[in-house]
């Protein structure tokens, strides 16, 4: 089977681009390169590229696509590769374009949580055309961040705002970058993640919940911390059995309504009142060797990193077989 591995730092092709900084180097070596290493241990022919044009020009020679591309350099690019695969009728690993759109819009994903009666912090959305109101719609403090996109892009300590006046100032900064925003009521607590893989038979493999702590104000985890370009963040497995059961139960409820999706992760804030609040959902999340999701899976369901990647590959291969019937 001919499998196209499409990623910004996918190795072993003539257009390979060297990482430009510590963030990119960490991302490449611990994520894209590691998945590629596992794929090359299989009997399949693995083709790599960092250019979507390769898929467009050679799709008739490709049986399956696994794309790790989120941001390709234009607005709302997260759904592009999956939409292209649907148009070209090429099977792929990941999530369908409509589910990716749901996930990448933090407003819609919180709306689904609210519909499922999963607690989530109060929020407002805004854009340069329809800015935030002058008077606060709910009590502070507040957290303002990009409404669309993945990977905590654009998040740092300045997103935490004690007053609505500071929110309005930060709003203008985002608009200068043409970024729509979402403002949430800030919940002081720990960030928990619950990852899943949906198997061929439709069952969910759910990893042990993990939590992140940060030395930043309000326990905020920044973009640079997630990419290991800045210290001060730790990821640990949750050993609170009662909390884990509650998080997994809530997460499964959400997973079932965000299908079709092969793998993903739901993030919660567990406040000082010990209640979990839905924060956001990720599909096709980072599966780097040091990621929280991999740590969770290795603790509960898999014996090795290779097992995780091969399980996802088998889901894709099975999809190709169904497609050919």
Protein backbone atom coordinates (compact mmCIF):
# COMPACT_ATOMS: atom_id res chain seq x y z
CA UNK A 1 0.00 0.00 0.00
CA UNK A 2 1.27 3.49 -0.87
CA UNK A 3 0.87 5.85 2.09
CA UNK A 4 1.48 9.60 1.89
CA UNK A 5 2.80 11.06 5.15
CA UNK A 6 2.19 14.79 4.86
CA UNK A 7 3.75 17.06 7.49
CA UNK A 8 5.71 20.27 7.77
CA UNK A 9 8.84 18.40 8.84
CA UNK A 10 8.19 15.06 7.17
CA UNK A 11 11.69 13.71 6.43
CA UNK A 12 13.26 11.95 3.47
CA UNK A 13 12.15 14.00 0.49
CA UNK A 14 13.88 16.51 -1.75
CA UNK A 15 11.92 19.53 -0.47
CA UNK A 16 12.75 18.95 3.20
CA UNK A 17 13.03 22.18 5.15
CA UNK A 18 15.31 22.32 8.18
CA UNK A 19 13.69 23.63 11.40
CA UNK A 20 14.45 27.31 11.92
CA UNK A 21 14.36 27.55 15.72
CA UNK A 22 14.19 25.53 18.94
CA UNK A 23 10.40 25.22 18.77
CA UNK A 24 10.48 23.76 15.26
CA UNK A 25 13.42 21.50 16.07
CA UNK A 26 11.63 20.01 19.07
CA UNK A 27 8.42 19.59 17.05
CA UNK A 28 10.24 17.89 14.18
CA UNK A 29 12.43 15.50 16.17
CA UNK A 30 9.90 14.42 18.78
CA UNK A 31 6.77 14.29 16.62
CA UNK A 32 6.99 14.20 12.82
CA UNK A 33 10.24 12.25 12.64
CA UNK A 34 9.12 9.74 15.28
CA UNK A 35 5.89 8.89 13.48
CA UNK A 36 7.83 8.54 10.23
CA UNK A 37 10.25 6.11 11.92
CA UNK A 38 7.34 3.89 12.97
CA UNK A 39 5.76 4.00 9.52
CA UNK A 40 9.01 2.91 7.86
CA UNK A 41 9.07 -0.25 9.99
CA UNK A 42 5.97 -1.50 8.17
CA UNK A 43 5.82 -3.30 4.83
CA UNK A 44 4.04 -0.37 3.17
CA UNK A 45 5.60 2.13 0.80
CA UNK A 46 5.85 5.41 2.71
CA UNK A 47 5.95 8.60 0.64
CA UNK A 48 6.69 11.88 2.43
CA UNK A 49 6.10 15.50 1.56
CA UNK A 50 5.68 18.89 3.21
CA UNK A 51 3.78 20.25 0.22
CA UNK A 52 0.07 19.70 -0.37
CA UNK A 53 0.76 20.10 -4.09
CA UNK A 54 2.22 16.60 -4.03
CA UNK A 55 -1.17 15.19 -3.07
CA UNK A 56 -2.93 17.25 -5.74
CA UNK A 57 -0.55 16.13 -8.49
CA UNK A 58 -0.13 12.48 -7.47
CA UNK A 59 -3.36 11.51 -5.75
CA UNK A 60 -4.08 8.68 -8.22
CA UNK A 61 -0.93 6.92 -7.01
CA UNK A 62 -1.77 7.26 -3.30
CA UNK A 63 -3.85 4.74 -1.33
CA UNK A 64 -3.94 6.49 2.05
CA UNK A 65 -3.06 9.93 3.47
CA UNK A 66 -1.91 10.70 6.99
CA UNK A 67 -1.56 14.45 7.32
CA UNK A 68 -0.22 16.27 10.39
CA UNK A 69 -0.64 19.62 8.68
CA UNK A 70 -2.75 22.13 10.61
CA UNK A 71 -1.52 25.56 9.60
CA UNK A 72 -0.44 25.80 5.97
CA UNK A 73 -0.09 29.57 5.70
CA UNK A 74 -3.63 30.76 5.01
CA UNK A 75 -6.68 31.40 7.15
CA UNK A 76 -8.76 28.41 8.26
CA UNK A 77 -6.32 26.00 6.65
CA UNK A 78 -6.89 23.31 9.30
CA UNK A 79 -9.68 21.66 7.30
CA UNK A 80 -7.98 21.95 3.91
CA UNK A 81 -6.19 18.61 3.55
CA UNK A 82 -9.18 16.55 4.71
CA UNK A 83 -11.49 18.49 2.36
CA UNK A 84 -9.04 17.89 -0.46
CA UNK A 85 -8.96 14.15 0.28
CA UNK A 86 -12.76 14.05 0.19
CA UNK A 87 -12.76 15.87 -3.15
CA UNK A 88 -10.09 13.57 -4.61
CA UNK A 89 -11.72 10.48 -3.04
CA UNK A 90 -8.53 9.42 -1.26
CA UNK A 91 -8.94 7.70 2.15
CA UNK A 92 -7.22 9.38 5.09
CA UNK A 93 -6.51 9.06 8.81
CA UNK A 94 -7.91 11.72 11.11
CA UNK A 95 -11.26 13.48 11.16
CA UNK A 96 -13.71 14.59 8.49
CA UNK A 97 -13.69 18.27 7.44
CA UNK A 98 -16.95 19.09 9.21
CA UNK A 99 -15.67 17.65 12.50
CA UNK A 100 -12.38 19.50 12.10
CA UNK A 101 -14.37 22.70 11.60
CA UNK A 102 -16.31 22.02 14.80
CA UNK A 103 -13.12 21.37 16.73
CA UNK A 104 -11.18 24.36 15.39
CA UNK A 105 -14.02 26.74 16.36
CA UNK A 106 -13.88 27.01 20.15
CA UNK A 107 -17.31 28.67 20.15
CA UNK A 108 -18.99 25.75 18.38
CA UNK A 109 -17.18 23.13 20.44
CA UNK A 110 -18.29 24.85 23.67
CA UNK A 111 -21.83 25.09 22.27
CA UNK A 112 -21.84 21.31 21.77
CA UNK A 113 -20.63 20.84 25.35
CA UNK A 114 -23.44 23.06 26.59
CA UNK A 115 -25.95 21.07 24.52
CA UNK A 116 -24.65 17.86 26.12
CA UNK A 117 -25.07 19.50 29.56
CA UNK A 118 -21.33 19.44 30.19
CA UNK A 119 -20.34 22.45 32.31
CA UNK A 120 -18.22 25.05 30.53
CA UNK A 121 -17.15 28.57 31.47
CA UNK A 122 -19.19 31.57 30.31
CA UNK A 123 -17.91 32.98 27.03
CA UNK A 124 -18.32 35.63 24.34
CA UNK A 125 -17.01 35.74 20.77
CA UNK A 126 -16.01 38.78 18.75
CA UNK A 127 -14.35 39.96 15.55
CA UNK A 128 -13.21 43.28 14.08
CA UNK A 129 -16.65 43.57 12.43
CA UNK A 130 -18.54 42.71 15.61
CA UNK A 131 -16.32 43.69 18.55
CA UNK A 132 -16.88 42.95 22.21
CA UNK A 133 -19.47 44.99 24.07
CA UNK A 134 -18.29 47.82 26.31
CA UNK A 135 -19.75 46.40 29.52
CA UNK A 136 -18.66 42.98 30.84
CA UNK A 137 -21.30 40.28 30.18
CA UNK A 138 -20.10 38.18 33.14
CA UNK A 139 -17.75 38.64 36.12
CA UNK A 140 -13.98 38.48 35.77
CA UNK A 141 -11.20 37.67 35.70
CA UNK A 142 -11.14 36.81 32.00
CA UNK A 143 -9.12 34.87 29.45
CA UNK A 144 -9.00 36.04 25.83
CA UNK A 145 -7.54 33.93 23.02
CA UNK A 146 -7.96 33.16 19.30
CA UNK A 147 -11.37 31.72 18.51
CA UNK A 148 -10.09 29.49 15.72
CA UNK A 149 -7.07 27.25 15.39
CA UNK A 150 -5.08 24.64 17.25
CA UNK A 151 -1.89 24.21 19.21
CA UNK A 152 -2.54 27.07 21.67
CA UNK A 153 -1.26 29.47 19.03
CA UNK A 154 -1.14 33.03 20.33
CA UNK A 155 -1.58 32.17 24.00
CA UNK A 156 0.65 33.76 26.63
CA UNK A 157 0.32 35.40 30.05
CA UNK A 158 -1.10 38.59 28.56
CA UNK A 159 -4.26 36.65 27.65
CA UNK A 160 -5.18 36.64 31.33
CA UNK A 161 -7.07 39.84 32.12
CA UNK A 162 -8.20 41.02 35.54
CA UNK A 163 -10.57 43.63 34.09
CA UNK A 164 -12.83 44.05 31.06
CA UNK A 165 -10.85 47.17 30.14
CA UNK A 166 -7.74 45.01 29.76
CA UNK A 167 -9.76 42.52 27.69
CA UNK A 168 -10.70 45.33 25.30
CA UNK A 169 -7.05 46.34 24.96
CA UNK A 170 -5.96 42.78 24.22
CA UNK A 171 -8.84 42.42 21.76
CA UNK A 172 -7.37 45.24 19.66
CA UNK A 173 -3.97 43.54 19.63
CA UNK A 174 -5.51 40.38 18.18
CA UNK A 175 -7.43 42.36 15.55
CA UNK A 176 -4.16 43.90 14.33
CA UNK A 177 -3.21 40.32 13.43
CA UNK A 178 -6.63 39.67 11.82
CA UNK A 179 -7.51 37.18 14.57
CA UNK A 180 -11.08 36.67 15.83
CA UNK A 181 -11.35 36.14 19.58
CA UNK A 182 -13.18 34.24 22.26
CA UNK A 183 -13.30 35.54 25.84
CA UNK A 184 -14.00 33.15 28.70
CA UNK A 185 -14.67 33.56 32.37
CA UNK A 186 -11.35 32.50 33.88
CA UNK A 187 -11.51 29.41 36.08
CA UNK A 188 -8.62 29.02 38.49
CA UNK A 189 -7.63 25.36 38.37
CA UNK A 190 -5.63 22.63 36.64
CA UNK A 191 -5.74 21.73 32.96
CA UNK A 192 -6.64 18.07 32.36
CA UNK A 193 -6.55 16.18 29.05
CA UNK A 194 -8.37 12.96 28.13
CA UNK A 195 -7.22 11.40 24.82
CA UNK A 196 -9.07 8.80 22.76
CA UNK A 197 -8.69 6.55 19.75
CA UNK A 198 -11.76 5.13 18.04
CA UNK A 199 -11.03 1.55 16.99
CA UNK A 200 -12.07 -0.26 13.83
CA UNK A 201 -15.04 -1.82 15.66
CA UNK A 202 -16.21 1.59 16.87
CA UNK A 203 -15.10 1.23 20.48
CA UNK A 204 -13.17 4.00 22.24
CA UNK A 205 -9.71 3.51 23.68
CA UNK A 206 -9.45 6.18 26.37
CA UNK A 207 -6.13 7.10 27.94
CA UNK A 208 -5.54 7.85 31.60
CA UNK A 209 -6.32 11.55 32.19
CA UNK A 210 -3.23 13.73 32.52
CA UNK A 211 -2.84 17.24 33.90
CA UNK A 212 -0.52 20.15 33.21
CA UNK A 213 0.90 22.63 35.68
CA UNK A 214 2.65 25.86 34.82
CA UNK A 215 4.67 28.47 36.67
CA UNK A 216 2.74 31.18 34.83
CA UNK A 217 0.07 33.30 36.47
CA UNK A 218 -3.20 31.41 36.76
CA UNK A 219 -1.44 28.15 35.78
CA UNK A 220 -1.58 29.30 32.14
CA UNK A 221 0.16 27.00 29.65
CA UNK A 222 1.64 29.05 26.82
CA UNK A 223 2.41 28.16 23.21
CA UNK A 224 6.14 28.21 23.93
CA UNK A 225 5.75 25.92 26.92
CA UNK A 226 3.77 23.38 24.90
CA UNK A 227 6.52 23.34 22.28
CA UNK A 228 9.21 23.03 25.01
CA UNK A 229 10.84 26.29 23.95
CA UNK A 230 10.21 27.62 27.44
CA UNK A 231 10.36 25.86 30.80
CA UNK A 232 7.97 25.96 33.70
CA UNK A 233 5.43 23.36 32.52
CA UNK A 234 5.05 19.78 33.70
CA UNK A 235 2.69 17.01 32.57
CA UNK A 236 1.65 14.33 35.04
CA UNK A 237 -0.77 11.43 35.03
CA UNK A 238 -3.81 11.78 37.25
CA UNK A 239 -3.97 9.21 40.05
CA UNK A 240 -7.29 10.41 41.44
CA UNK A 241 -9.53 7.45 40.61
CA UNK A 242 -12.82 9.23 41.32
CA UNK A 243 -11.87 12.25 39.23
CA UNK A 244 -10.54 10.05 36.42
CA UNK A 245 -13.81 8.12 36.23
CA UNK A 246 -15.77 11.37 36.04
CA UNK A 247 -13.50 12.87 33.36
CA UNK A 248 -13.60 9.71 31.24
CA UNK A 249 -17.40 9.47 31.52
CA UNK A 250 -17.84 13.08 30.41
CA UNK A 251 -15.21 12.75 27.67
CA UNK A 252 -16.85 9.64 26.18
CA UNK A 253 -20.15 11.49 26.04
CA UNK A 254 -18.49 14.23 24.00
CA UNK A 255 -16.44 11.81 21.85
CA UNK A 256 -19.60 10.10 20.66
CA UNK A 257 -21.00 13.39 19.35
CA UNK A 258 -17.82 14.54 17.57
CA UNK A 259 -17.70 11.71 15.05
CA UNK A 260 -16.28 10.77 12.58
CA UNK A 261 -12.86 11.21 14.20
CA UNK A 262 -10.12 8.60 14.58
CA UNK A 263 -8.34 10.22 17.50
CA UNK A 264 -8.56 13.31 19.66
CA UNK A 265 -8.34 14.82 23.11
CA UNK A 266 -10.75 16.76 25.31
CA UNK A 267 -9.35 19.36 27.69
CA UNK A 268 -10.98 20.30 30.97
CA UNK A 269 -10.27 22.82 33.69
CA UNK A 270 -10.84 21.30 37.12
CA UNK A 271 -11.50 24.25 39.38
CA UNK A 272 -10.93 24.67 43.07
CA UNK A 273 -14.51 23.48 43.55
CA UNK A 274 -13.28 20.10 42.13
CA UNK A 275 -15.77 20.36 39.25
CA UNK A 276 -14.59 19.66 35.65
CA UNK A 277 -15.38 22.38 33.11
CA UNK A 278 -15.06 21.70 29.39
CA UNK A 279 -12.35 23.89 27.88
CA UNK A 280 -11.82 22.70 24.31
CA UNK A 281 -11.40 19.66 22.12
CA UNK A 282 -8.61 18.66 19.76
CA UNK A 283 -8.74 16.14 16.97
CA UNK A 284 -5.56 14.76 15.44
CA UNK A 285 -3.70 16.19 18.43
CA UNK A 286 0.06 16.14 18.92
CA UNK A 287 1.35 12.58 19.25
CA UNK A 288 4.95 13.50 19.92
CA UNK A 289 6.87 11.17 22.20
CA UNK A 290 6.72 13.66 25.09
CA UNK A 291 3.08 14.67 24.65
CA UNK A 292 0.50 14.24 27.39
CA UNK A 293 -1.67 12.08 25.12
CA UNK A 294 1.13 9.58 24.48
CA UNK A 295 1.93 9.50 28.21
CA UNK A 296 -1.76 8.76 28.88
CA UNK A 297 -2.02 5.97 26.31
CA UNK A 298 1.18 4.28 27.48
CA UNK A 299 -0.15 4.24 31.04
CA UNK A 300 -3.42 2.53 30.20
CA UNK A 301 -3.70 0.87 26.82
CA UNK A 302 -0.43 0.45 24.92
CA UNK A 303 2.97 -1.09 25.62
CA UNK A 304 4.99 1.15 23.30
CA UNK A 305 4.90 4.28 21.18
CA UNK A 306 5.02 2.08 18.08
CA UNK A 307 1.81 0.35 19.18
CA UNK A 308 -0.05 3.66 19.30
CA UNK A 309 1.03 4.74 15.82
CA UNK A 310 0.47 1.29 14.31
CA UNK A 311 -3.06 1.19 15.76
CA UNK A 312 -3.91 4.43 13.97
CA UNK A 313 -2.29 3.18 10.80
CA UNK A 314 -4.42 0.02 10.91
CA UNK A 315 -7.54 2.18 11.18
CA UNK A 316 -6.51 3.91 7.96
CA UNK A 317 -5.62 0.66 6.19
CA UNK A 318 -8.99 -0.81 7.12
CA UNK A 319 -10.63 2.32 5.68
CA UNK A 320 -8.83 1.74 2.37
CA UNK A 321 -10.10 -1.84 2.26
CA UNK A 322 -13.66 -0.67 2.91
CA UNK A 323 -13.26 2.00 0.23
CA UNK A 324 -12.22 -0.61 -2.32
CA UNK A 325 -15.25 -2.84 -1.71
